[in-house]
């Protein structure tokens, strides 16, 4: 699922999807999801990334983001590059990873890590109704996948934060509008 999406307005709020190479179910292990959250938090604290909503599914992530410094493409590039290497290394170093050999082979090509599919899907969010539709889409993803009955019960999502059911938040969220 490679997309040639180009962020035209680097300061606008965007809905984005990043997919693991070959749709491999990496994020079934919490250690890898935690690494993603940790790196998103780093981008918030050090690169000016604003997060409005998020969900980590087994083989892709959905985010609603904005860059305070008008450099969203740079942040996305750096985030994907760093997390690819870091999660690949976590897989390599994880003695409990039963799929290690297969994952390491599948997520590399000619000696290089190929964790994320190239490019990503993105859409600029221009108003509150469109934002709400994307936030609902993100939060209902685990429900549609049959993982949970209620969106706020899914741990790797901002749904519980948006409903005020989890404090502290895993990631600080920004209010749209």
Protein backbone atom coordinates (compact mmCIF):
# COMPACT_ATOMS: atom_id res chain seq x y z
CA UNK A 1 0.00 0.00 0.00
CA UNK A 2 2.51 2.62 -1.09
CA UNK A 3 1.14 6.08 -1.63
CA UNK A 4 2.82 9.08 -3.19
CA UNK A 5 1.09 11.49 -0.84
CA UNK A 6 2.67 14.91 -0.59
CA UNK A 7 1.99 17.22 2.34
CA UNK A 8 1.27 20.53 0.63
CA UNK A 9 0.51 22.61 3.72
CA UNK A 10 3.22 21.65 6.21
CA UNK A 11 1.37 23.38 9.07
CA UNK A 12 -2.08 21.85 8.46
CA UNK A 13 -3.65 19.01 10.43
CA UNK A 14 -3.37 15.71 8.55
CA UNK A 15 -4.85 12.23 8.86
CA UNK A 16 -2.14 9.69 7.97
CA UNK A 17 -1.73 5.93 7.80
CA UNK A 18 1.61 4.12 7.97
CA UNK A 19 1.60 0.44 7.04
CA UNK A 20 4.11 -2.22 8.06
CA UNK A 21 5.86 -3.78 5.06
CA UNK A 22 3.77 -6.61 3.60
CA UNK A 23 1.11 -5.92 6.26
CA UNK A 24 3.08 -7.99 8.78
CA UNK A 25 1.38 -8.19 12.19
CA UNK A 26 4.22 -6.73 14.25
CA UNK A 27 2.17 -4.79 16.78
CA UNK A 28 0.57 -7.88 18.26
CA UNK A 29 3.43 -7.62 20.76
CA UNK A 30 3.02 -4.75 23.23
CA UNK A 31 6.78 -4.07 23.39
CA UNK A 32 6.72 -2.83 19.77
CA UNK A 33 3.60 -0.70 20.29
CA UNK A 34 5.20 0.87 23.35
CA UNK A 35 8.22 1.81 21.24
CA UNK A 36 5.98 3.59 18.73
CA UNK A 37 4.25 5.55 21.49
CA UNK A 38 7.60 6.44 23.05
CA UNK A 39 8.85 7.80 19.74
CA UNK A 40 5.67 9.76 19.06
CA UNK A 41 6.07 11.32 22.52
CA UNK A 42 9.68 12.19 21.66
CA UNK A 43 8.50 13.94 18.48
CA UNK A 44 5.94 15.85 20.53
CA UNK A 45 8.48 16.97 23.11
CA UNK A 46 11.41 17.69 20.78
CA UNK A 47 10.15 18.28 17.25
CA UNK A 48 6.90 20.21 17.69
CA UNK A 49 4.57 17.38 16.68
CA UNK A 50 0.95 17.76 17.75
CA UNK A 51 -1.16 14.60 18.02
CA UNK A 52 -4.96 14.87 17.85
CA UNK A 53 -5.80 11.17 17.70
CA UNK A 54 -4.11 7.82 17.12
CA UNK A 55 -4.49 4.08 17.03
CA UNK A 56 -1.95 1.29 16.60
CA UNK A 57 -3.39 -1.74 14.86
CA UNK A 58 -1.52 -5.04 14.35
CA UNK A 59 0.07 -3.98 11.05
CA UNK A 60 -0.57 -0.26 10.60
CA UNK A 61 -1.11 2.97 12.50
CA UNK A 62 -3.53 5.84 12.03
CA UNK A 63 -2.64 9.30 13.25
CA UNK A 64 -4.09 12.78 13.15
CA UNK A 65 -1.10 15.13 13.31
CA UNK A 66 0.19 18.64 12.84
CA UNK A 67 3.67 20.15 13.01
CA UNK A 68 3.96 23.41 14.95
CA UNK A 69 7.16 24.21 13.06
CA UNK A 70 5.60 23.66 9.62
CA UNK A 71 7.80 20.62 8.91
CA UNK A 72 5.39 17.70 9.00
CA UNK A 73 7.06 15.83 6.13
CA UNK A 74 10.42 15.99 7.90
CA UNK A 75 8.97 14.71 11.16
CA UNK A 76 7.18 11.84 9.41
CA UNK A 77 10.34 10.88 7.49
CA UNK A 78 12.47 10.90 10.64
CA UNK A 79 9.84 9.07 12.71
CA UNK A 80 9.45 6.29 10.17
CA UNK A 81 13.21 5.92 9.65
CA UNK A 82 14.01 5.81 13.36
CA UNK A 83 11.14 3.51 14.38
CA UNK A 84 11.93 1.11 11.53
CA UNK A 85 15.47 0.60 12.79
CA UNK A 86 14.52 0.60 16.47
CA UNK A 87 11.66 -1.91 16.20
CA UNK A 88 13.69 -4.15 13.90
CA UNK A 89 16.44 -4.16 16.54
CA UNK A 90 13.90 -4.90 19.28
CA UNK A 91 12.70 -7.90 17.28
CA UNK A 92 16.29 -9.04 16.79
CA UNK A 93 17.10 -8.69 20.50
CA UNK A 94 13.84 -10.17 21.82
CA UNK A 95 14.56 -13.68 23.17
CA UNK A 96 10.81 -14.32 23.50
CA UNK A 97 9.98 -13.48 19.86
CA UNK A 98 8.78 -16.78 18.39
CA UNK A 99 8.57 -15.28 14.88
CA UNK A 100 12.05 -13.72 14.97
CA UNK A 101 13.67 -15.39 11.94
CA UNK A 102 10.60 -14.88 9.77
CA UNK A 103 10.13 -11.25 10.86
CA UNK A 104 13.78 -10.35 10.33
CA UNK A 105 13.71 -11.88 6.85
CA UNK A 106 10.37 -10.34 5.88
CA UNK A 107 11.24 -6.88 7.20
CA UNK A 108 14.53 -6.55 5.36
CA UNK A 109 15.73 -6.47 1.78
CA UNK A 110 19.31 -6.80 0.53
CA UNK A 111 20.70 -6.21 4.01
CA UNK A 112 18.59 -3.11 4.70
CA UNK A 113 15.67 -2.74 7.08
CA UNK A 114 12.35 -2.40 5.26
CA UNK A 115 9.89 -2.03 8.11
CA UNK A 116 7.36 0.47 6.75
CA UNK A 117 5.81 0.42 3.31
CA UNK A 118 7.13 3.26 1.20
CA UNK A 119 5.11 6.44 1.37
CA UNK A 120 1.89 6.72 3.33
CA UNK A 121 -1.73 7.62 2.94
CA UNK A 122 -2.55 11.16 4.01
CA UNK A 123 -5.44 13.61 3.90
CA UNK A 124 -5.49 17.23 4.97
CA UNK A 125 -8.21 17.97 7.51
CA UNK A 126 -9.96 21.23 6.76
CA UNK A 127 -12.92 21.43 9.13
CA UNK A 128 -14.45 20.05 12.34
CA UNK A 129 -16.91 17.58 10.71
CA UNK A 130 -14.13 16.03 8.58
CA UNK A 131 -11.86 15.89 11.64
CA UNK A 132 -14.58 14.14 13.66
CA UNK A 133 -15.20 11.61 10.89
CA UNK A 134 -11.48 10.72 10.81
CA UNK A 135 -11.24 10.55 14.61
CA UNK A 136 -14.29 8.25 14.71
CA UNK A 137 -12.75 6.13 11.94
CA UNK A 138 -9.49 5.80 13.90
CA UNK A 139 -11.18 4.92 17.19
CA UNK A 140 -13.63 2.45 15.65
CA UNK A 141 -10.90 0.53 13.80
CA UNK A 142 -10.34 -1.99 16.65
CA UNK A 143 -14.12 -2.45 16.97
CA UNK A 144 -14.48 -3.13 13.24
CA UNK A 145 -11.57 -5.60 13.49
CA UNK A 146 -13.40 -7.48 16.25
CA UNK A 147 -10.68 -6.85 18.85
CA UNK A 148 -12.88 -4.97 21.34
CA UNK A 149 -16.59 -4.26 21.69
CA UNK A 150 -16.12 -0.62 22.72
CA UNK A 151 -13.53 1.71 21.24
CA UNK A 152 -12.52 3.10 24.63
CA UNK A 153 -11.41 -0.38 25.75
CA UNK A 154 -8.62 -0.62 23.19
CA UNK A 155 -5.32 0.16 24.92
CA UNK A 156 -3.28 1.30 21.90
CA UNK A 157 -5.52 4.20 20.99
CA UNK A 158 -6.44 7.71 22.04
CA UNK A 159 -10.14 6.77 22.43
CA UNK A 160 -10.02 6.35 26.21
CA UNK A 161 -8.15 9.66 26.45
CA UNK A 162 -10.78 11.46 24.36
CA UNK A 163 -13.54 10.10 26.61
CA UNK A 164 -11.62 11.17 29.74
CA UNK A 165 -11.24 7.57 30.90
CA UNK A 166 -7.45 7.37 31.05
CA UNK A 167 -5.10 9.66 32.89
CA UNK A 168 -2.35 10.23 32.46
CA UNK A 169 -2.68 10.01 28.70
CA UNK A 170 -0.20 7.80 26.85
CA UNK A 171 0.28 10.74 24.46
CA UNK A 172 -0.74 14.33 25.12
CA UNK A 173 -3.56 15.24 22.74
CA UNK A 174 -4.35 18.56 21.11
CA UNK A 175 -7.96 19.68 20.69
CA UNK A 176 -9.01 20.43 17.10
CA UNK A 177 -10.64 23.74 16.36
